[in-house]
Amino acid sequence: MLGHMPGDAQTHQLFAEAAAAHASSQLTDDATNIGLGTEYMQYWLNKAHSVDGAYKLYRGLSNGIYYQKIKACADKLRADPDSMQPLRNMVQ
C-alpha cells in the first residue's frame, strides 16, 4: 500500500485492522507497531502533502504534544538511522 492513496473501502478496512491490532498485544511487537504506524503516516502524508502537516493530522491538532514527540524522535532517527532505540523510548 505504501506510495499511493487507498480508496475509502480500503482505508476503512486498514483503520479497522489497525484498531484491532492496537487493542491487542500485537502493538508491543516492534515490527507490527512500526508497520502500522508507517501505513497510517503514509495515509496522512498523502492527505497533508507535507511531513509537518501529516504529523499533526496523525494524532490530531488538539495540543501538538504527540507531534512534538514524533518530531523529536524523527530528529534522533535522522542522526542515527540504524538505531531502534529512539522508537522504543518514544513508546515507553
Protein backbone atom coordinates (compact mmCIF):
# COMPACT_ATOMS: atom_id res chain seq x y z
CA MET A 1 0.00 0.00 0.00
CA LEU A 2 2.86 2.42 0.53
CA GLY A 3 3.13 5.17 -2.01
CA HIS A 4 -0.47 5.53 -3.14
CA MET A 5 -3.77 6.80 -1.80
CA PRO A 6 -6.11 3.96 -0.85
CA GLY A 7 -9.80 4.04 -1.67
CA ASP A 8 -12.44 4.59 1.01
CA ALA A 9 -13.19 0.88 1.44
CA GLN A 10 -9.50 0.04 1.75
CA THR A 11 -8.97 2.92 4.17
CA HIS A 12 -11.83 1.77 6.42
CA GLN A 13 -10.52 -1.81 6.34
CA LEU A 14 -6.99 -0.73 7.21
CA PHE A 15 -8.16 1.52 10.04
CA ALA A 16 -10.29 -1.35 11.41
CA GLU A 17 -7.29 -3.69 11.26
CA ALA A 18 -5.12 -1.08 12.95
CA ALA A 19 -7.72 -0.55 15.69
CA ALA A 20 -7.89 -4.31 16.31
CA ALA A 21 -4.10 -4.55 16.47
CA HIS A 22 -3.93 -1.51 18.76
CA ALA A 23 -6.31 -3.22 21.19
CA SER A 24 -4.21 -6.42 21.20
CA SER A 25 -0.74 -7.39 22.29
CA GLN A 26 0.41 -7.03 18.66
CA LEU A 27 1.18 -3.36 19.26
CA THR A 28 4.07 -4.25 21.54
CA ASP A 29 5.73 -6.10 18.66
CA ASP A 30 8.22 -3.66 17.11
CA ALA A 31 7.66 -4.79 13.52
CA THR A 32 3.86 -4.64 13.80
CA ASN A 33 3.90 -1.28 15.56
CA ILE A 34 6.24 0.30 13.02
CA GLY A 35 4.39 -1.28 10.07
CA LEU A 36 1.00 0.02 11.22
CA GLY A 37 2.39 3.42 12.12
CA THR A 38 4.10 3.70 8.74
CA GLU A 39 0.94 2.85 6.83
CA TYR A 40 -1.08 5.30 8.92
CA MET A 41 1.53 8.01 8.45
CA GLN A 42 1.57 7.42 4.69
CA TYR A 43 -2.19 7.98 4.65
CA TRP A 44 -1.76 11.37 6.34
CA LEU A 45 1.22 12.29 4.14
CA ASN A 46 -0.99 11.74 1.11
CA LYS A 47 -3.68 13.95 2.66
CA ALA A 48 -1.46 16.74 4.01
CA HIS A 49 1.26 16.84 1.32
CA SER A 50 3.85 17.81 3.94
CA VAL A 51 5.60 15.97 6.75
CA ASP A 52 4.71 18.61 9.34
CA GLY A 53 1.06 18.58 8.28
CA ALA A 54 0.97 14.79 8.34
CA TYR A 55 2.45 14.62 11.85
CA LYS A 56 -0.22 16.98 13.08
CA LEU A 57 -3.01 15.01 11.43
CA TYR A 58 -1.52 11.73 12.62
CA ARG A 59 -2.64 12.45 16.17
CA GLY A 60 -4.92 15.42 15.83
CA LEU A 61 -4.43 19.14 16.00
CA SER A 62 -5.59 19.50 19.60
CA ASN A 63 -2.40 20.16 21.54
CA GLY A 64 0.62 19.16 19.46
CA ILE A 65 2.18 17.05 22.21
CA TYR A 66 2.29 13.90 20.12
CA TYR A 67 3.60 15.87 17.15
CA GLN A 68 6.46 17.17 19.30
CA LYS A 69 7.27 13.61 20.45
CA ILE A 70 7.28 12.30 16.88
CA LYS A 71 9.37 15.21 15.62
CA ALA A 72 11.95 14.73 18.38
CA CYS A 73 12.09 11.02 17.59
CA ALA A 74 12.45 11.72 13.86
CA ASP A 75 15.34 14.07 14.57
CA LYS A 76 17.08 11.35 16.63
CA LEU A 77 16.45 8.76 13.92
CA ARG A 78 17.86 11.11 11.31
CA ALA A 79 21.04 11.39 13.38
CA ASP A 80 21.29 7.59 13.85
CA PRO A 81 19.03 5.85 11.29
CA ASP A 82 20.20 2.35 12.20
CA SER A 83 19.08 2.62 15.83
CA MET A 84 15.67 1.44 17.02
CA GLN A 85 16.21 2.97 20.47
CA PRO A 86 14.51 6.33 19.75
CA LEU A 87 11.35 4.45 18.73
CA ARG A 88 11.47 2.27 21.81
CA ASN A 89 11.98 5.30 24.04
CA MET A 90 9.03 7.06 22.48
CA VAL A 91 6.53 4.30 23.35
CA GLN A 92 7.69 3.79 26.92
